[in-house]
Amino acid sequence: MNIRNLFPDKIALRLDESEQVDMVLGDGARDRGALADHISPIPEMGAGVAYMRLEASPEPVRVRAAYVSDADIRAMVAQYGEAA
């Protein structure tokens, strides 16, 4: 993909193979700790986990967004009702 380098910040969610980490985040990212191929496929463990690399730094950073399960959403709807 020749447009990949047009995006200064890069994010890798769960990947299938270790080689894909360097393809997404740049050469050597996996050796520097971006283990995106080890992110769990189990939603409660791996949902929202990613590695990102910002343009200003070659070091990857592990990040995690909040995970809200379907059961959590149903409980919130039951407690607070549907939005008007």
N, C-alpha and C. Protein backbone atom coordinates (compact mmCIF):
# COMPACT_ATOMS: atom_id res chain seq x y z
N MET A 1 0.84 -1.19 0.00
CA MET A 1 0.00 0.00 0.00
C MET A 1 0.88 1.23 0.00
N ASN A 2 0.83 1.97 -1.06
CA ASN A 2 1.68 3.15 -1.14
C ASN A 2 1.13 4.35 -0.39
N ILE A 3 -0.12 4.30 0.07
CA ILE A 3 -0.67 5.43 0.84
C ILE A 3 -0.43 5.26 2.35
N ARG A 4 0.07 4.13 2.78
CA ARG A 4 0.27 3.86 4.20
C ARG A 4 1.14 4.92 4.87
N ASN A 5 2.15 5.40 4.19
CA ASN A 5 3.06 6.38 4.78
C ASN A 5 2.47 7.77 4.85
N LEU A 6 1.28 7.98 4.32
CA LEU A 6 0.62 9.28 4.42
C LEU A 6 -0.04 9.48 5.78
N PHE A 7 -0.15 8.42 6.57
CA PHE A 7 -0.76 8.49 7.89
C PHE A 7 0.35 8.52 8.93
N PRO A 8 0.53 9.65 9.62
CA PRO A 8 1.67 9.76 10.55
C PRO A 8 1.55 8.90 11.80
N ASP A 9 0.35 8.72 12.32
CA ASP A 9 0.14 7.90 13.51
C ASP A 9 -0.46 6.57 13.07
N LYS A 10 0.03 5.49 13.64
CA LYS A 10 -0.41 4.17 13.22
C LYS A 10 -0.93 3.38 14.42
N ILE A 11 -1.99 2.58 14.17
CA ILE A 11 -2.61 1.78 15.23
C ILE A 11 -2.74 0.33 14.74
N ALA A 12 -2.33 -0.60 15.57
CA ALA A 12 -2.46 -2.02 15.25
C ALA A 12 -3.35 -2.67 16.30
N LEU A 13 -4.48 -3.20 15.87
CA LEU A 13 -5.32 -4.02 16.74
C LEU A 13 -4.77 -5.44 16.69
N ARG A 14 -5.55 -6.42 17.11
CA ARG A 14 -5.06 -7.81 17.11
C ARG A 14 -4.71 -8.24 15.69
N LEU A 15 -3.51 -8.75 15.52
CA LEU A 15 -3.04 -9.24 14.22
C LEU A 15 -2.78 -10.73 14.29
N ASP A 16 -2.79 -11.39 13.14
CA ASP A 16 -2.63 -12.83 13.09
C ASP A 16 -1.19 -13.30 13.15
N GLU A 17 -0.27 -12.54 12.57
CA GLU A 17 1.11 -12.99 12.47
C GLU A 17 2.08 -11.91 12.93
N SER A 18 3.21 -12.33 13.45
CA SER A 18 4.19 -11.39 13.96
C SER A 18 4.72 -10.46 12.87
N GLU A 19 4.82 -10.93 11.65
CA GLU A 19 5.32 -10.10 10.55
C GLU A 19 4.39 -8.92 10.26
N GLN A 20 3.11 -9.08 10.55
CA GLN A 20 2.14 -8.02 10.29
C GLN A 20 2.36 -6.81 11.20
N VAL A 21 2.91 -7.03 12.38
CA VAL A 21 3.15 -5.94 13.32
C VAL A 21 4.08 -4.91 12.69
N ASP A 22 5.19 -5.37 12.12
CA ASP A 22 6.13 -4.45 11.48
C ASP A 22 5.54 -3.83 10.22
N MET A 23 4.68 -4.56 9.53
CA MET A 23 4.03 -3.99 8.34
C MET A 23 3.14 -2.81 8.72
N VAL A 24 2.43 -2.92 9.84
CA VAL A 24 1.50 -1.88 10.25
C VAL A 24 2.19 -0.74 10.98
N LEU A 25 3.05 -1.07 11.94
CA LEU A 25 3.64 -0.05 12.81
C LEU A 25 5.04 0.40 12.39
N GLY A 26 5.65 -0.29 11.46
CA GLY A 26 6.98 0.08 11.00
C GLY A 26 8.02 -0.93 11.43
N ASP A 27 9.13 -0.95 10.70
CA ASP A 27 10.20 -1.91 10.95
C ASP A 27 10.68 -1.85 12.40
N GLY A 28 10.78 -3.03 13.01
CA GLY A 28 11.31 -3.14 14.36
C GLY A 28 10.32 -2.87 15.47
N ALA A 29 9.07 -2.56 15.14
CA ALA A 29 8.08 -2.24 16.17
C ALA A 29 7.84 -3.44 17.09
N ARG A 30 7.80 -4.62 16.54
CA ARG A 30 7.56 -5.81 17.38
C ARG A 30 8.73 -6.05 18.32
N ASP A 31 9.93 -5.85 17.82
CA ASP A 31 11.12 -6.02 18.67
C ASP A 31 11.15 -4.98 19.79
N ARG A 32 10.49 -3.85 19.59
CA ARG A 32 10.42 -2.81 20.62
C ARG A 32 9.21 -2.97 21.54
N GLY A 33 8.49 -4.10 21.40
CA GLY A 33 7.44 -4.40 22.36
C GLY A 33 6.01 -4.39 21.87
N ALA A 34 5.78 -4.10 20.62
CA ALA A 34 4.41 -4.09 20.09
C ALA A 34 4.00 -5.52 19.74
N LEU A 35 3.41 -6.21 20.67
CA LEU A 35 3.02 -7.62 20.48
C LEU A 35 1.56 -7.73 20.08
N ALA A 36 1.20 -7.07 18.99
CA ALA A 36 -0.20 -7.07 18.54
C ALA A 36 -0.66 -8.46 18.11
N ASP A 37 0.26 -9.34 17.79
CA ASP A 37 -0.12 -10.71 17.42
C ASP A 37 -0.41 -11.56 18.65
N HIS A 38 -0.18 -11.03 19.85
CA HIS A 38 -0.47 -11.75 21.10
C HIS A 38 -1.72 -11.23 21.80
N ILE A 39 -2.42 -10.28 21.21
CA ILE A 39 -3.65 -9.77 21.82
C ILE A 39 -4.70 -10.87 21.78
N SER A 40 -5.34 -11.10 22.90
CA SER A 40 -6.30 -12.20 23.03
C SER A 40 -7.53 -12.00 22.16
N PRO A 41 -8.00 -13.08 21.51
CA PRO A 41 -9.25 -13.00 20.75
C PRO A 41 -10.48 -13.08 21.65
N ILE A 42 -10.29 -13.35 22.94
CA ILE A 42 -11.41 -13.41 23.88
C ILE A 42 -11.82 -11.98 24.20
N PRO A 43 -13.06 -11.58 23.88
CA PRO A 43 -13.46 -10.18 24.03
C PRO A 43 -13.18 -9.58 25.40
N GLU A 44 -13.44 -10.31 26.46
CA GLU A 44 -13.23 -9.77 27.80
C GLU A 44 -11.75 -9.48 28.09
N MET A 45 -10.87 -10.12 27.35
CA MET A 45 -9.43 -9.93 27.57
C MET A 45 -8.78 -9.04 26.52
N GLY A 46 -9.20 -9.16 25.27
CA GLY A 46 -8.50 -8.48 24.20
C GLY A 46 -9.24 -7.34 23.52
N ALA A 47 -10.53 -7.21 23.77
CA ALA A 47 -11.29 -6.14 23.10
C ALA A 47 -10.77 -4.78 23.54
N GLY A 48 -10.53 -3.92 22.58
CA GLY A 48 -10.08 -2.57 22.88
C GLY A 48 -8.58 -2.42 23.05
N VAL A 49 -7.85 -3.53 23.04
CA VAL A 49 -6.39 -3.46 23.19
C VAL A 49 -5.76 -3.19 21.83
N ALA A 50 -4.80 -2.30 21.80
CA ALA A 50 -4.10 -1.98 20.57
C ALA A 50 -2.70 -1.48 20.90
N TYR A 51 -1.88 -1.42 19.90
CA TYR A 51 -0.58 -0.78 20.01
C TYR A 51 -0.57 0.36 19.01
N MET A 52 -0.03 1.48 19.42
CA MET A 52 0.03 2.60 18.50
C MET A 52 1.43 3.19 18.48
N ARG A 53 1.73 3.80 17.36
CA ARG A 53 3.00 4.48 17.20
C ARG A 53 2.71 5.87 16.67
N LEU A 54 3.13 6.86 17.40
CA LEU A 54 2.92 8.24 16.99
C LEU A 54 4.08 8.71 16.11
N GLU A 55 3.80 9.66 15.28
CA GLU A 55 4.81 10.16 14.35
C GLU A 55 6.05 10.67 15.08
N ALA A 56 5.85 11.25 16.25
CA ALA A 56 6.96 11.87 16.98
C ALA A 56 7.88 10.86 17.68
N SER A 57 7.49 9.58 17.75
CA SER A 57 8.29 8.61 18.48
C SER A 57 8.24 7.24 17.80
N PRO A 58 9.38 6.56 17.70
CA PRO A 58 9.37 5.22 17.12
C PRO A 58 8.91 4.15 18.11
N GLU A 59 8.78 4.52 19.39
CA GLU A 59 8.41 3.54 20.42
C GLU A 59 6.91 3.28 20.40
N PRO A 60 6.50 2.02 20.28
CA PRO A 60 5.07 1.70 20.32
C PRO A 60 4.54 1.79 21.75
N VAL A 61 3.27 2.13 21.88
CA VAL A 61 2.62 2.27 23.17
C VAL A 61 1.39 1.36 23.18
N ARG A 62 1.23 0.58 24.25
CA ARG A 62 0.05 -0.26 24.41
C ARG A 62 -1.07 0.60 24.97
N VAL A 63 -2.25 0.53 24.32
CA VAL A 63 -3.40 1.30 24.76
C VAL A 63 -4.60 0.37 24.90
N ARG A 64 -5.59 0.82 25.67
CA ARG A 64 -6.80 0.02 25.80
C ARG A 64 -8.00 0.95 25.96
N ALA A 65 -8.97 0.73 25.12
CA ALA A 65 -10.24 1.44 25.23
C ALA A 65 -11.16 0.63 26.14
N ALA A 66 -12.12 1.27 26.73
CA ALA A 66 -13.05 0.56 27.61
C ALA A 66 -13.83 -0.49 26.83
N TYR A 67 -14.08 -1.62 27.46
CA TYR A 67 -14.88 -2.68 26.86
C TYR A 67 -16.19 -2.78 27.62
N VAL A 68 -17.28 -2.66 26.89
CA VAL A 68 -18.62 -2.79 27.47
C VAL A 68 -19.28 -3.98 26.79
N SER A 69 -19.59 -5.00 27.56
CA SER A 69 -20.18 -6.23 27.00
C SER A 69 -21.66 -6.01 26.70
N ASP A 70 -22.23 -6.91 25.94
CA ASP A 70 -23.67 -6.86 25.64
C ASP A 70 -24.49 -6.93 26.92
N ALA A 71 -24.04 -7.75 27.86
CA ALA A 71 -24.76 -7.86 29.13
C ALA A 71 -24.73 -6.54 29.90
N ASP A 72 -23.59 -5.85 29.86
CA ASP A 72 -23.49 -4.54 30.50
C ASP A 72 -24.46 -3.54 29.87
N ILE A 73 -24.54 -3.56 28.56
CA ILE A 73 -25.44 -2.64 27.85
C ILE A 73 -26.90 -2.94 28.21
N ARG A 74 -27.27 -4.21 28.23
CA ARG A 74 -28.65 -4.58 28.61
C ARG A 74 -28.96 -4.12 30.03
N ALA A 75 -28.00 -4.26 30.93
CA ALA A 75 -28.20 -3.83 32.32
C ALA A 75 -28.39 -2.32 32.40
N MET A 76 -27.62 -1.56 31.64
CA MET A 76 -27.77 -0.10 31.63
C MET A 76 -29.12 0.32 31.08
N VAL A 77 -29.58 -0.34 30.02
CA VAL A 77 -30.88 -0.04 29.44
C VAL A 77 -31.98 -0.35 30.45
N ALA A 78 -31.86 -1.49 31.14
CA ALA A 78 -32.88 -1.87 32.14
C ALA A 78 -32.91 -0.86 33.29
N GLN A 79 -31.74 -0.37 33.68
CA GLN A 79 -31.68 0.54 34.82
C GLN A 79 -32.08 1.97 34.46
N TYR A 80 -31.64 2.44 33.32
CA TYR A 80 -31.84 3.84 32.98
C TYR A 80 -32.91 4.07 31.91
N GLY A 81 -33.40 3.01 31.30
CA GLY A 81 -34.45 3.12 30.27
C GLY A 81 -33.89 3.59 28.95
N GLU A 82 -34.72 3.53 27.97
CA GLU A 82 -34.31 3.95 26.62
C GLU A 82 -34.32 5.47 26.53
N ALA A 83 -33.44 6.01 25.73
CA ALA A 83 -33.37 7.48 25.56
C ALA A 83 -34.63 7.96 24.85
N ALA A 84 -35.09 9.11 25.28
CA ALA A 84 -36.31 9.68 24.70
C ALA A 84 -36.03 10.35 23.39
